[in-house]
C-alpha atoms as a PDB file:
ATOM      1  CA  MET A   1      -0.052   0.056  -0.161  1.00  0.00           C
ATOM      2  CA  MET A   2       1.069   3.873  -0.220  1.00  0.00           C
ATOM      3  CA  ASN A   3       0.269   6.873   1.465  1.00  0.00           C
ATOM      4  CA  ILE A   4      -2.771   8.717   0.214  1.00  0.00           C
ATOM      5  CA  ILE A   5      -3.322  12.769   0.415  1.00  0.00           C
ATOM      6  CA  LEU A   6      -7.126  13.742   0.438  1.00  0.00           C
ATOM      7  CA  ILE A   7      -7.339  17.299  -0.706  1.00  0.00           C
ATOM      8  CA  ALA A   8     -10.916  18.955  -0.448  1.00  0.00           C
ATOM      9  CA  PRO A   9     -13.105  21.896   0.241  1.00  0.00           C
ATOM     10  CA  PRO A  10     -14.951  21.369   3.793  1.00  0.00           C
ATOM     11  CA  ALA A  11     -17.575  19.014   3.520  1.00  0.00           C
ATOM     12  CA  ALA A  12     -16.802  17.844  -0.092  1.00  0.00           C
ATOM     13  CA  GLY A  13     -16.447  14.132   1.998  1.00  0.00           C
ATOM     14  CA  LYS A  14     -13.018  13.818   2.534  1.00  0.00           C
ATOM     15  CA  GLY A  15     -13.353  12.052   6.173  1.00  0.00           C
ATOM     16  CA  THR A  16     -15.819   9.744   4.780  1.00  0.00           C
ATOM     17  CA  GLN A  17     -13.889   8.542   1.483  1.00  0.00           C
ATOM     18  CA  ALA A  18     -10.847   8.656   4.372  1.00  0.00           C
ATOM     19  CA  LYS A  19     -12.495   5.948   6.846  1.00  0.00           C
ATOM     20  CA  LEU A  20     -13.687   3.658   3.577  1.00  0.00           C
ATOM     21  CA  ILE A  21     -10.211   3.441   2.804  1.00  0.00           C
ATOM     22  CA  SER A  22      -9.218   3.280   5.759  1.00  0.00           C
ATOM     23  CA  GLU A  23     -10.733   0.143   6.480  1.00  0.00           C
ATOM     24  CA  LYS A  24     -10.550  -1.733   3.295  1.00  0.00           C
ATOM     25  CA  TYR A  25      -6.920  -1.270   3.420  1.00  0.00           C
ATOM     26  CA  ASN A  26      -6.446  -1.088   7.035  1.00  0.00           C
ATOM     27  CA  ILE A  27      -4.151   1.807   6.912  1.00  0.00           C
ATOM     28  CA  PRO A  28      -4.004   4.467   9.303  1.00  0.00           C
ATOM     29  CA  HIS A  29      -6.610   7.484   8.538  1.00  0.00           C
ATOM     30  CA  ILE A  30      -4.738  10.742   9.773  1.00  0.00           C
ATOM     31  CA  SER A  31      -6.635  14.060  10.231  1.00  0.00           C
ATOM     32  CA  THR A  32      -4.948  16.959  11.619  1.00  0.00           C
ATOM     33  CA  GLY A  33      -8.339  18.404  13.590  1.00  0.00           C
ATOM     34  CA  ASP A  34      -7.973  14.825  15.412  1.00  0.00           C
ATOM     35  CA  LEU A  35      -4.246  14.945  16.346  1.00  0.00           C
ATOM     36  CA  LEU A  36      -5.111  18.199  17.736  1.00  0.00           C
ATOM     37  CA  ARG A  37      -8.052  16.829  19.131  1.00  0.00           C
ATOM     38  CA  GLU A  38      -5.930  14.374  21.131  1.00  0.00           C
ATOM     39  CA  GLU A  39      -3.074  16.678  22.487  1.00  0.00           C
ATOM     40  CA  ILE A  40      -5.448  18.848  23.514  1.00  0.00           C
ATOM     41  CA  LYS A  41      -7.287  16.152  25.590  1.00  0.00           C
ATOM     42  CA  ASN A  42      -3.835  14.577  26.744  1.00  0.00           C
ATOM     43  CA  GLN A  43      -2.744  18.458  27.819  1.00  0.00           C
ATOM     44  CA  THR A  44       0.308  18.517  26.159  1.00  0.00           C
ATOM     45  CA  GLU A  45       2.837  21.210  25.507  1.00  0.00           C
ATOM     46  CA  ILE A  46       1.563  21.455  21.790  1.00  0.00           C
ATOM     47  CA  GLY A  47      -2.026  20.848  23.176  1.00  0.00           C
ATOM     48  CA  LYS A  48      -1.929  23.873  25.513  1.00  0.00           C
ATOM     49  CA  GLN A  49      -0.596  26.103  22.643  1.00  0.00           C
ATOM     50  CA  ALA A  50      -2.657  25.060  20.035  1.00  0.00           C
ATOM     51  CA  GLU A  51      -5.863  25.438  22.715  1.00  0.00           C
ATOM     52  CA  ASP A  52      -5.064  28.779  23.768  1.00  0.00           C
ATOM     53  CA  LEU A  53      -4.714  29.551  19.698  1.00  0.00           C
ATOM     54  CA  MET A  54      -8.276  28.120  18.653  1.00  0.00           C
ATOM     55  CA  LYS A  55      -9.814  29.937  21.633  1.00  0.00           C
ATOM     56  CA  GLN A  56      -8.262  33.154  20.024  1.00  0.00           C
ATOM     57  CA  GLY A  57      -9.179  32.090  16.777  1.00  0.00           C
ATOM     58  CA  LYS A  58      -6.235  32.001  15.296  1.00  0.00           C
ATOM     59  CA  PHE A  59      -4.558  29.129  13.222  1.00  0.00           C
ATOM     60  CA  VAL A  60      -1.854  26.652  15.131  1.00  0.00           C
ATOM     61  CA  SER A  61       1.314  27.410  13.137  1.00  0.00           C
ATOM     62  CA  ASP A  62       2.720  24.951  10.242  1.00  0.00           C
ATOM     63  CA  ASP A  63       5.649  23.998  12.259  1.00  0.00           C
ATOM     64  CA  VAL A  64       3.385  22.541  14.655  1.00  0.00           C
ATOM     65  CA  ILE A  65       1.346  20.768  12.444  1.00  0.00           C
ATOM     66  CA  ILE A  66       4.121  19.474  10.684  1.00  0.00           C
ATOM     67  CA  GLU A  67       5.652  18.180  13.691  1.00  0.00           C
ATOM     68  CA  LEU A  68       2.298  15.954  14.638  1.00  0.00           C
ATOM     69  CA  ILE A  69       2.446  14.573  11.387  1.00  0.00           C
ATOM     70  CA  SER A  70       5.758  13.653  11.876  1.00  0.00           C
ATOM     71  CA  ASN A  71       5.404  12.283  15.112  1.00  0.00           C
ATOM     72  CA  ARG A  72       2.180  10.318  13.554  1.00  0.00           C
ATOM     73  CA  ILE A  73       3.815   8.821  10.087  1.00  0.00           C
ATOM     74  CA  THR A  74       6.993   7.583  11.939  1.00  0.00           C
ATOM     75  CA  LYS A  75       4.516   5.098  14.225  1.00  0.00           C
ATOM     76  CA  PRO A  76       4.861   1.224  13.229  1.00  0.00           C
ATOM     77  CA  ASP A  77       1.245   1.147  12.119  1.00  0.00           C
ATOM     78  CA  CYS A  78       1.712   3.614   9.220  1.00  0.00           C
ATOM     79  CA  GLU A  79       4.978   1.649   8.003  1.00  0.00           C
ATOM     80  CA  ASN A  80       2.289   0.136   4.865  1.00  0.00           C
ATOM     81  CA  GLY A  81       0.912   3.713   4.341  1.00  0.00           C
ATOM     82  CA  TYR A  82      -1.880   5.971   5.632  1.00  0.00           C
ATOM     83  CA  ILE A  83      -4.201   8.729   4.346  1.00  0.00           C
ATOM     84  CA  LEU A  84      -3.952  12.344   5.133  1.00  0.00           C
ATOM     85  CA  ASP A  85      -7.442  14.372   5.286  1.00  0.00           C
ATOM     86  CA  GLY A  86      -7.055  17.578   4.566  1.00  0.00           C
ATOM     87  CA  PHE A  87      -3.471  18.300   4.862  1.00  0.00           C
ATOM     88  CA  PRO A  88      -1.382  19.769   3.599  1.00  0.00           C
ATOM     89  CA  ARG A  89      -3.048  22.877   3.546  1.00  0.00           C
ATOM     90  CA  THR A  90      -0.912  25.387   2.885  1.00  0.00           C
ATOM     91  CA  LEU A  91       1.687  25.276   0.200  1.00  0.00           C
ATOM     92  CA  VAL A  92       4.276  25.744   3.560  1.00  0.00           C
ATOM     93  CA  GLN A  93       2.986  22.766   4.924  1.00  0.00           C
ATOM     94  CA  ALA A  94       3.218  21.030   1.197  1.00  0.00           C
ATOM     95  CA  GLU A  95       6.940  22.086   1.182  1.00  0.00           C
ATOM     96  CA  LYS A  96       7.560  21.075   4.873  1.00  0.00           C
ATOM     97  CA  TYR A  97       5.906  17.404   4.475  1.00  0.00           C
ATOM     98  CA  ASP A  98       7.930  17.527   1.329  1.00  0.00           C
ATOM     99  CA  GLU A  99      11.347  17.765   3.250  1.00  0.00           C
ATOM    100  CA  LEU A 100       9.842  15.765   5.879  1.00  0.00           C
ATOM    101  CA  LEU A 101       9.181  12.363   3.264  1.00  0.00           C
ATOM    102  CA  LYS A 102      12.548  12.757   1.774  1.00  0.00           C
ATOM    103  CA  GLY A 103      14.021  13.162   4.867  1.00  0.00           C
ATOM    104  CA  LEU A 104      12.420   9.526   6.266  1.00  0.00           C
ATOM    105  CA  GLY A 105      13.235   8.009   3.152  1.00  0.00           C
ATOM    106  CA  LYS A 106       9.371   7.895   2.352  1.00  0.00           C
ATOM    107  CA  ASP A 107       7.730   8.685  -1.132  1.00  0.00           C
ATOM    108  CA  LEU A 108       4.963  11.377  -1.538  1.00  0.00           C
ATOM    109  CA  GLY A 109       2.312   8.227  -2.501  1.00  0.00           C
ATOM    110  CA  VAL A 110      -0.864   9.615  -4.511  1.00  0.00           C
ATOM    111  CA  VAL A 111      -2.641  12.670  -3.908  1.00  0.00           C
ATOM    112  CA  ILE A 112      -6.556  12.837  -4.752  1.00  0.00           C
ATOM    113  CA  TYR A 113      -8.691  15.854  -5.253  1.00  0.00           C
ATOM    114  CA  ILE A 114     -12.140  15.537  -4.412  1.00  0.00           C
ATOM    115  CA  ASN A 115     -14.027  18.439  -6.001  1.00  0.00           C
END
């Protein structure tokens, strides 16, 4: 299996499709929103920072998002691939993700745009 990135506008079905693909191919569905909520729930340092920013109506920095993605895709259950739901959202995130993959010796995989 390979890595899959689903890109789409809000409410286009990214999460629904990611869940179906995840179940069919037994690969993790990774959502930055879910990762952030987990960090907030566990009151980690990243979670506390993210919660403060979100309460102010601000976005979490690209560096923090990349750190969360890096931590998640290096877990053993991602060795055979994973699905990224709605990430990357910015050009900076895409460039940093590309650098991260190169550093890990991983392939980009496929990007699917849902219109």
